[in-house]
Amino acid sequence: MESFSERLIHLRHSHNLTQKEVSDSLELVYSNYNRYERGVRTPDNETIVRFANFFKVSPMYMLGISHLMNGDEFLLDVLENIELNGDPEGTKAKFALEEYRKEFTV
């Protein structure tokens, strides 16, 4: 399982950004950002969400809990539940879509 710092480095590299560019964009003190990448400091929940929104991934991905980069894990869970238990009127699917939009639309 990748750590937060590994995910942060990977995302920054995949967006071709420097540490300074990310820290400036998020209005973070550069030295704190550098500590996050080195794993010396752990960001608070609000900062994790800011990173997730900036890179357009889920906080669960940032934390290394999920291998899926966005909110698809929520949608997949609901669809699996529908497959197992049925949804003859489509109400579960409609609810899932509404919740997905609320949770993962920035």
N, C-alpha and C. Protein backbone atom coordinates (compact mmCIF):
# COMPACT_ATOMS: atom_id res chain seq x y z
N MET A 1 0.85 -1.18 0.00
CA MET A 1 0.00 0.00 0.00
C MET A 1 0.89 1.24 0.00
N GLU A 2 0.60 2.15 -0.91
CA GLU A 2 1.36 3.39 -0.99
C GLU A 2 0.99 4.32 0.16
N SER A 3 1.97 5.04 0.64
CA SER A 3 1.73 6.02 1.71
C SER A 3 1.21 7.32 1.10
N PHE A 4 0.75 8.20 1.97
CA PHE A 4 0.29 9.50 1.53
C PHE A 4 1.39 10.23 0.77
N SER A 5 2.59 10.22 1.32
CA SER A 5 3.69 10.95 0.67
C SER A 5 4.01 10.37 -0.71
N GLU A 6 3.96 9.06 -0.85
CA GLU A 6 4.21 8.44 -2.16
C GLU A 6 3.14 8.84 -3.17
N ARG A 7 1.89 8.84 -2.72
CA ARG A 7 0.79 9.24 -3.61
C ARG A 7 0.94 10.71 -4.00
N LEU A 8 1.31 11.55 -3.04
CA LEU A 8 1.46 12.97 -3.31
C LEU A 8 2.55 13.21 -4.35
N ILE A 9 3.67 12.55 -4.20
CA ILE A 9 4.78 12.67 -5.15
C ILE A 9 4.33 12.20 -6.54
N HIS A 10 3.69 11.04 -6.57
CA HIS A 10 3.22 10.49 -7.85
C HIS A 10 2.27 11.45 -8.56
N LEU A 11 1.31 11.98 -7.82
CA LEU A 11 0.34 12.90 -8.42
C LEU A 11 1.01 14.17 -8.92
N ARG A 12 1.93 14.70 -8.13
CA ARG A 12 2.63 15.91 -8.54
C ARG A 12 3.42 15.66 -9.82
N HIS A 13 4.14 14.54 -9.86
CA HIS A 13 4.92 14.21 -11.06
C HIS A 13 4.00 14.00 -12.27
N SER A 14 2.88 13.33 -12.06
CA SER A 14 1.97 13.06 -13.18
C SER A 14 1.35 14.33 -13.75
N HIS A 15 1.34 15.39 -12.96
CA HIS A 15 0.83 16.68 -13.43
C HIS A 15 1.97 17.62 -13.85
N ASN A 16 3.19 17.09 -13.84
CA ASN A 16 4.37 17.87 -14.24
C ASN A 16 4.49 19.18 -13.46
N LEU A 17 4.33 19.09 -12.15
CA LEU A 17 4.42 20.26 -11.29
C LEU A 17 5.60 20.16 -10.34
N THR A 18 6.09 21.29 -9.92
CA THR A 18 7.14 21.31 -8.89
C THR A 18 6.47 21.39 -7.52
N GLN A 19 7.25 21.13 -6.49
CA GLN A 19 6.73 21.28 -5.14
C GLN A 19 6.28 22.72 -4.90
N LYS A 20 7.04 23.65 -5.39
CA LYS A 20 6.72 25.07 -5.20
C LYS A 20 5.40 25.42 -5.90
N GLU A 21 5.19 24.89 -7.09
CA GLU A 21 3.95 25.18 -7.82
C GLU A 21 2.73 24.66 -7.06
N VAL A 22 2.84 23.45 -6.52
CA VAL A 22 1.72 22.88 -5.77
C VAL A 22 1.49 23.67 -4.48
N SER A 23 2.57 23.93 -3.75
CA SER A 23 2.41 24.65 -2.48
C SER A 23 1.85 26.06 -2.72
N ASP A 24 2.30 26.73 -3.77
CA ASP A 24 1.76 28.05 -4.09
C ASP A 24 0.28 27.97 -4.49
N SER A 25 -0.06 27.00 -5.32
CA SER A 25 -1.45 26.86 -5.77
C SER A 25 -2.41 26.62 -4.61
N LEU A 26 -1.94 25.87 -3.62
CA LEU A 26 -2.79 25.55 -2.47
C LEU A 26 -2.58 26.49 -1.29
N GLU A 27 -1.72 27.50 -1.51
CA GLU A 27 -1.42 28.48 -0.47
C GLU A 27 -0.90 27.80 0.80
N LEU A 28 0.03 26.86 0.60
CA LEU A 28 0.68 26.16 1.70
C LEU A 28 2.10 26.69 1.85
N VAL A 29 2.60 26.66 3.06
CA VAL A 29 4.00 27.01 3.28
C VAL A 29 4.84 25.92 2.61
N TYR A 30 5.79 26.35 1.78
CA TYR A 30 6.60 25.41 1.01
C TYR A 30 7.26 24.36 1.90
N SER A 31 7.83 24.78 3.02
CA SER A 31 8.54 23.82 3.88
C SER A 31 7.59 22.75 4.43
N ASN A 32 6.35 23.12 4.70
CA ASN A 32 5.36 22.12 5.15
C ASN A 32 5.05 21.14 4.03
N TYR A 33 4.87 21.67 2.81
CA TYR A 33 4.60 20.79 1.68
C TYR A 33 5.75 19.80 1.50
N ASN A 34 6.96 20.29 1.56
CA ASN A 34 8.13 19.43 1.42
C ASN A 34 8.14 18.34 2.48
N ARG A 35 7.74 18.67 3.68
CA ARG A 35 7.68 17.68 4.77
C ARG A 35 6.59 16.62 4.50
N TYR A 36 5.49 17.04 3.87
CA TYR A 36 4.44 16.07 3.51
C TYR A 36 5.00 15.05 2.53
N GLU A 37 5.73 15.52 1.54
CA GLU A 37 6.29 14.60 0.54
C GLU A 37 7.36 13.69 1.14
N ARG A 38 8.10 14.20 2.09
CA ARG A 38 9.15 13.37 2.72
C ARG A 38 8.57 12.44 3.78
N GLY A 39 7.31 12.62 4.12
CA GLY A 39 6.67 11.77 5.13
C GLY A 39 7.04 12.16 6.55
N VAL A 40 7.62 13.35 6.71
CA VAL A 40 8.03 13.83 8.03
C VAL A 40 6.84 14.44 8.77
N ARG A 41 5.93 14.97 8.01
CA ARG A 41 4.75 15.62 8.58
C ARG A 41 3.50 15.08 7.90
N THR A 42 2.44 14.91 8.68
CA THR A 42 1.16 14.43 8.14
C THR A 42 0.18 15.60 8.10
N PRO A 43 -0.44 15.82 6.94
CA PRO A 43 -1.40 16.93 6.86
C PRO A 43 -2.68 16.62 7.63
N ASP A 44 -3.37 17.68 8.03
CA ASP A 44 -4.66 17.48 8.69
C ASP A 44 -5.71 17.11 7.63
N ASN A 45 -6.88 16.74 8.09
CA ASN A 45 -7.93 16.29 7.17
C ASN A 45 -8.30 17.34 6.14
N GLU A 46 -8.39 18.59 6.56
CA GLU A 46 -8.75 19.66 5.63
C GLU A 46 -7.72 19.77 4.50
N THR A 47 -6.46 19.64 4.84
CA THR A 47 -5.40 19.74 3.83
C THR A 47 -5.42 18.53 2.91
N ILE A 48 -5.72 17.37 3.44
CA ILE A 48 -5.83 16.17 2.59
C ILE A 48 -6.94 16.37 1.56
N VAL A 49 -8.05 16.91 1.99
CA VAL A 49 -9.17 17.17 1.07
C VAL A 49 -8.77 18.22 0.03
N ARG A 50 -8.02 19.21 0.45
CA ARG A 50 -7.55 20.23 -0.50
C ARG A 50 -6.66 19.60 -1.57
N PHE A 51 -5.75 18.70 -1.14
CA PHE A 51 -4.92 17.99 -2.10
C PHE A 51 -5.78 17.16 -3.05
N ALA A 52 -6.74 16.44 -2.49
CA ALA A 52 -7.61 15.58 -3.30
C ALA A 52 -8.36 16.40 -4.34
N ASN A 53 -8.91 17.54 -3.93
CA ASN A 53 -9.63 18.40 -4.87
C ASN A 53 -8.70 18.97 -5.93
N PHE A 54 -7.52 19.36 -5.52
CA PHE A 54 -6.55 19.93 -6.46
C PHE A 54 -6.17 18.93 -7.54
N PHE A 55 -5.90 17.68 -7.13
CA PHE A 55 -5.48 16.66 -8.09
C PHE A 55 -6.67 15.89 -8.68
N LYS A 56 -7.88 16.23 -8.25
CA LYS A 56 -9.12 15.59 -8.74
C LYS A 56 -9.12 14.08 -8.48
N VAL A 57 -8.80 13.73 -7.23
CA VAL A 57 -8.85 12.34 -6.79
C VAL A 57 -9.63 12.30 -5.47
N SER A 58 -9.94 11.12 -5.00
CA SER A 58 -10.66 11.02 -3.74
C SER A 58 -9.68 11.09 -2.57
N PRO A 59 -10.15 11.58 -1.42
CA PRO A 59 -9.30 11.56 -0.23
C PRO A 59 -8.86 10.14 0.13
N MET A 60 -9.71 9.16 -0.16
CA MET A 60 -9.36 7.76 0.12
C MET A 60 -8.14 7.34 -0.70
N TYR A 61 -8.06 7.82 -1.92
CA TYR A 61 -6.90 7.53 -2.76
C TYR A 61 -5.67 8.22 -2.18
N MET A 62 -5.81 9.49 -1.80
CA MET A 62 -4.68 10.24 -1.23
C MET A 62 -4.10 9.52 -0.02
N LEU A 63 -4.97 8.93 0.78
CA LEU A 63 -4.52 8.26 2.01
C LEU A 63 -3.99 6.86 1.76
N GLY A 64 -4.11 6.37 0.53
CA GLY A 64 -3.64 5.04 0.23
C GLY A 64 -4.62 3.94 0.62
N ILE A 65 -5.85 4.33 0.94
CA ILE A 65 -6.86 3.36 1.36
C ILE A 65 -7.50 2.70 0.15
N SER A 66 -7.63 3.46 -0.92
CA SER A 66 -8.24 2.95 -2.15
C SER A 66 -7.24 3.06 -3.29
N HIS A 67 -7.29 2.10 -4.19
CA HIS A 67 -6.44 2.17 -5.38
C HIS A 67 -7.13 2.93 -6.52
N LEU A 68 -8.42 3.24 -6.33
CA LEU A 68 -9.16 4.00 -7.33
C LEU A 68 -8.96 5.48 -7.08
N MET A 69 -8.70 6.23 -8.12
CA MET A 69 -8.33 7.62 -7.96
C MET A 69 -9.49 8.57 -7.67
N ASN A 70 -10.70 8.17 -8.03
CA ASN A 70 -11.81 9.08 -7.78
C ASN A 70 -12.89 8.36 -6.99
N GLY A 71 -14.10 8.87 -7.00
CA GLY A 71 -15.17 8.32 -6.20
C GLY A 71 -15.77 7.03 -6.73
N ASP A 72 -15.12 6.42 -7.69
CA ASP A 72 -15.70 5.22 -8.29
C ASP A 72 -15.90 4.08 -7.29
N GLU A 73 -15.10 4.05 -6.21
CA GLU A 73 -15.28 2.97 -5.25
C GLU A 73 -16.68 3.00 -4.64
N PHE A 74 -17.22 4.21 -4.41
CA PHE A 74 -18.58 4.33 -3.88
C PHE A 74 -19.58 3.77 -4.88
N LEU A 75 -19.46 4.20 -6.12
CA LEU A 75 -20.38 3.76 -7.15
C LEU A 75 -20.28 2.26 -7.38
N LEU A 76 -19.07 1.72 -7.37
CA LEU A 76 -18.90 0.27 -7.54
C LEU A 76 -19.55 -0.51 -6.41
N ASP A 77 -19.43 -0.03 -5.18
CA ASP A 77 -20.07 -0.70 -4.05
C ASP A 77 -21.58 -0.73 -4.22
N VAL A 78 -22.16 0.38 -4.63
CA VAL A 78 -23.61 0.45 -4.81
C VAL A 78 -24.05 -0.48 -5.93
N LEU A 79 -23.33 -0.46 -7.05
CA LEU A 79 -23.69 -1.32 -8.17
C LEU A 79 -23.59 -2.80 -7.81
N GLU A 80 -22.58 -3.14 -7.03
CA GLU A 80 -22.45 -4.53 -6.58
C GLU A 80 -23.63 -4.91 -5.70
N ASN A 81 -24.04 -4.00 -4.83
CA ASN A 81 -25.19 -4.25 -3.97
C ASN A 81 -26.46 -4.42 -4.80
N ILE A 82 -26.64 -3.60 -5.82
CA ILE A 82 -27.80 -3.72 -6.70
C ILE A 82 -27.78 -5.07 -7.42
N GLU A 83 -26.61 -5.45 -7.88
CA GLU A 83 -26.48 -6.73 -8.58
C GLU A 83 -26.86 -7.90 -7.67
N LEU A 84 -26.43 -7.83 -6.43
CA LEU A 84 -26.71 -8.92 -5.48
C LEU A 84 -28.16 -8.92 -5.01
N ASN A 85 -28.72 -7.73 -4.79
CA ASN A 85 -30.04 -7.64 -4.17
C ASN A 85 -31.15 -7.17 -5.10
N GLY A 86 -30.81 -6.78 -6.30
CA GLY A 86 -31.81 -6.32 -7.25
C GLY A 86 -32.23 -4.89 -7.02
N ASP A 87 -32.83 -4.31 -8.03
CA ASP A 87 -33.32 -2.93 -7.97
C ASP A 87 -34.41 -2.77 -9.03
N PRO A 88 -35.55 -3.45 -8.85
CA PRO A 88 -36.56 -3.49 -9.90
C PRO A 88 -37.11 -2.12 -10.30
N GLU A 89 -37.18 -1.17 -9.38
CA GLU A 89 -37.74 0.14 -9.72
C GLU A 89 -36.66 1.17 -10.05
N GLY A 90 -35.40 0.80 -9.91
CA GLY A 90 -34.31 1.72 -10.21
C GLY A 90 -34.07 2.77 -9.14
N THR A 91 -34.71 2.64 -7.98
CA THR A 91 -34.57 3.66 -6.95
C THR A 91 -33.18 3.65 -6.31
N LYS A 92 -32.59 2.48 -6.14
CA LYS A 92 -31.25 2.41 -5.56
C LYS A 92 -30.23 3.03 -6.51
N ALA A 93 -30.38 2.76 -7.78
CA ALA A 93 -29.45 3.31 -8.77
C ALA A 93 -29.58 4.83 -8.83
N LYS A 94 -30.80 5.34 -8.78
CA LYS A 94 -31.02 6.78 -8.81
C LYS A 94 -30.41 7.43 -7.57
N PHE A 95 -30.64 6.82 -6.41
CA PHE A 95 -30.06 7.33 -5.16
C PHE A 95 -28.54 7.33 -5.24
N ALA A 96 -27.95 6.26 -5.76
CA ALA A 96 -26.50 6.16 -5.87
C ALA A 96 -25.94 7.27 -6.74
N LEU A 97 -26.59 7.53 -7.84
CA LEU A 97 -26.14 8.57 -8.75
C LEU A 97 -26.22 9.95 -8.09
N GLU A 98 -27.30 10.21 -7.37
CA GLU A 98 -27.45 11.50 -6.68
C GLU A 98 -26.37 11.66 -5.61
N GLU A 99 -26.12 10.61 -4.83
CA GLU A 99 -25.10 10.67 -3.78
C GLU A 99 -23.70 10.83 -4.38
N TYR A 100 -23.45 10.13 -5.46
CA TYR A 100 -22.16 10.22 -6.13
C TYR A 100 -21.92 11.67 -6.59
N ARG A 101 -22.93 12.26 -7.18
CA ARG A 101 -22.80 13.64 -7.66
C ARG A 101 -22.55 14.61 -6.51
N LYS A 102 -23.25 14.43 -5.39
CA LYS A 102 -23.07 15.30 -4.24
C LYS A 102 -21.67 15.16 -3.65
N GLU A 103 -21.21 13.93 -3.54
CA GLU A 103 -19.95 13.64 -2.87
C GLU A 103 -18.73 13.98 -3.71
N PHE A 104 -18.78 13.74 -5.00
CA PHE A 104 -17.57 13.80 -5.80
C PHE A 104 -17.57 14.87 -6.89
N THR A 105 -18.54 15.76 -6.87
CA THR A 105 -18.53 16.87 -7.80
C THR A 105 -17.94 18.07 -7.08
N VAL A 106 -16.88 18.59 -7.66
CA VAL A 106 -16.19 19.72 -7.03
C VAL A 106 -16.72 21.02 -7.59
